[in-house]
Amino acid sequence: MTDISPVVPQGRQVVEGYGGGRFRISGAVWTGSVLLRPDAALPWPVAEFRDLTLESLMPLTEGEDLPEILLIGCGGRAELLPRTLREAIRAEGMVADAMDTGAACRTFNVLMAEDRRVAAALIAVE
């Protein structure tokens, strides 16, 4: 049998599960929404898509490796980012892609395993 499990570099964050208002990331349980980079997870006080602002995303831009791709997990369903927010994110050097939170979790894992410069802003879902 051929093993097709992705090789994940040590120290990288992997979303292992989500739902019930929580996430399981690399063995740790996080209650509520989270900001996620390959090397770190942070609590995020945004509970609803309408509360999303550029300022709330700024912790993702701190540090040396600025993400190229920003995945936004909008909650239970995908939403369209307001044009002004999309342009502001682009001005910070990132391309934003909004989708439901489950899709954002899966996409983050794939891109992170490919060693892409990715970050995610994940709104918790029940």
Protein backbone atom coordinates (compact mmCIF):
# COMPACT_ATOMS: atom_id res chain seq x y z
CA MET A 1 0.00 0.00 0.00
CA THR A 2 1.27 3.47 -0.87
CA ASP A 3 1.14 6.04 1.91
CA ILE A 4 -0.33 9.30 0.57
CA SER A 5 -0.34 11.20 3.88
CA PRO A 6 1.16 14.63 3.33
CA VAL A 7 4.54 15.21 4.90
CA VAL A 8 4.13 18.10 7.29
CA PRO A 9 7.31 19.77 8.50
CA GLN A 10 7.82 19.63 12.26
CA GLY A 11 6.46 22.61 14.16
CA ARG A 12 3.78 23.39 11.57
CA GLN A 13 0.17 23.96 12.57
CA VAL A 14 -2.35 21.50 11.14
CA VAL A 15 -6.10 21.87 11.50
CA GLU A 16 -7.24 18.44 12.68
CA GLY A 17 -10.89 19.26 13.34
CA TYR A 18 -13.47 22.01 13.68
CA GLY A 19 -17.05 22.47 14.85
CA GLY A 20 -18.95 23.04 18.05
CA GLY A 21 -17.41 26.51 18.28
CA ARG A 22 -13.91 25.01 18.52
CA PHE A 23 -10.88 23.98 16.49
CA ARG A 24 -8.33 21.23 17.12
CA ILE A 25 -5.00 22.48 15.79
CA SER A 26 -1.91 20.29 16.15
CA GLY A 27 -3.40 18.56 19.18
CA ALA A 28 -4.50 21.73 21.00
CA VAL A 29 -8.17 22.70 21.33
CA TRP A 30 -9.04 26.34 20.64
CA THR A 31 -12.44 27.72 21.62
CA GLY A 32 -13.76 30.43 19.30
CA SER A 33 -12.30 31.90 16.14
CA VAL A 34 -8.56 31.72 15.38
CA LEU A 35 -5.88 33.32 13.25
CA LEU A 36 -3.54 30.72 11.86
CA ARG A 37 -0.09 30.77 10.30
CA PRO A 38 2.02 27.70 9.59
CA ASP A 39 4.04 28.36 12.75
CA ALA A 40 1.41 29.75 15.14
CA ALA A 41 -2.24 29.97 16.11
CA LEU A 42 -3.78 32.94 17.91
CA PRO A 43 -7.21 33.56 19.41
CA TRP A 44 -9.26 35.91 17.25
CA PRO A 45 -12.18 37.92 18.71
CA VAL A 46 -14.16 37.95 15.43
CA ALA A 47 -17.28 35.78 15.81
CA GLU A 48 -19.27 36.97 12.78
CA PHE A 49 -18.25 37.75 9.20
CA ARG A 50 -19.69 41.26 9.47
CA ASP A 51 -17.16 42.02 12.25
CA LEU A 52 -14.16 41.29 10.00
CA THR A 53 -11.82 44.28 9.54
CA LEU A 54 -8.34 44.83 8.20
CA GLU A 55 -7.21 45.73 11.71
CA SER A 56 -8.44 42.38 13.06
CA LEU A 57 -6.21 40.62 10.51
CA MET A 58 -3.04 42.57 11.31
CA PRO A 59 -1.54 39.97 13.70
CA LEU A 60 -1.12 37.77 10.60
CA THR A 61 1.24 40.31 9.06
CA GLU A 62 3.63 40.42 12.00
CA GLY A 63 6.91 38.58 11.77
CA GLU A 64 9.31 37.82 8.97
CA ASP A 65 7.32 35.64 6.58
CA LEU A 66 4.43 37.74 5.31
CA PRO A 67 1.74 35.43 3.94
CA GLU A 68 1.05 35.64 0.21
CA ILE A 69 -2.33 33.94 0.54
CA LEU A 70 -4.93 34.77 3.18
CA LEU A 71 -7.77 32.29 3.53
CA ILE A 72 -10.84 33.65 5.26
CA GLY A 73 -13.14 31.06 6.79
CA CYS A 74 -16.44 32.95 6.86
CA GLY A 75 -18.31 30.54 9.14
CA GLY A 76 -20.94 28.11 7.91
CA ARG A 77 -21.13 29.54 4.41
CA ALA A 78 -18.96 31.49 2.01
CA GLU A 79 -19.36 35.26 1.84
CA LEU A 80 -18.08 37.89 -0.57
CA LEU A 81 -15.42 40.17 0.86
CA PRO A 82 -16.31 43.83 0.49
CA ARG A 83 -14.24 45.36 -2.31
CA THR A 84 -12.62 47.89 0.01
CA LEU A 85 -11.47 45.15 2.40
CA ARG A 86 -10.19 42.97 -0.45
CA GLU A 87 -8.20 45.95 -1.81
CA ALA A 88 -6.82 46.80 1.64
CA ILE A 89 -5.66 43.20 2.09
CA ARG A 90 -4.03 43.32 -1.36
CA ALA A 91 -2.26 46.57 -0.36
CA GLU A 92 -0.75 44.62 2.56
CA GLY A 93 0.74 42.18 0.00
CA MET A 94 -1.75 39.32 0.36
CA VAL A 95 -4.35 37.78 -1.90
CA ALA A 96 -7.54 37.01 0.03
CA ASP A 97 -9.79 34.07 -0.69
CA ALA A 98 -13.05 33.83 1.27
CA MET A 99 -14.84 30.49 1.70
CA ASP A 100 -16.74 28.58 4.36
CA THR A 101 -14.64 27.71 7.40
CA GLY A 102 -14.43 23.98 6.62
CA ALA A 103 -13.05 24.66 3.14
CA ALA A 104 -10.60 27.20 4.57
CA CYS A 105 -9.31 24.63 7.09
CA ARG A 106 -8.75 21.99 4.40
CA THR A 107 -7.18 24.48 1.99
CA PHE A 108 -4.86 25.80 4.70
CA ASN A 109 -3.61 22.28 5.43
CA VAL A 110 -2.89 21.57 1.76
CA LEU A 111 -1.13 24.88 1.10
CA MET A 112 0.84 24.68 4.34
CA ALA A 113 1.99 21.13 3.49
CA GLU A 114 3.14 22.48 0.10
CA ASP A 115 5.25 25.01 2.04
CA ARG A 116 3.28 27.94 0.65
CA ARG A 117 3.21 31.26 2.50
CA VAL A 118 -0.36 30.99 3.73
CA ALA A 119 -2.38 32.28 6.67
CA ALA A 120 -6.00 31.77 7.67
CA ALA A 121 -8.58 33.75 9.59
CA LEU A 122 -11.10 31.15 10.73
CA ILE A 123 -14.50 32.05 12.18
CA ALA A 124 -15.69 29.25 14.46
CA VAL A 125 -18.78 27.28 13.44
CA GLU A 126 -21.23 25.41 15.63
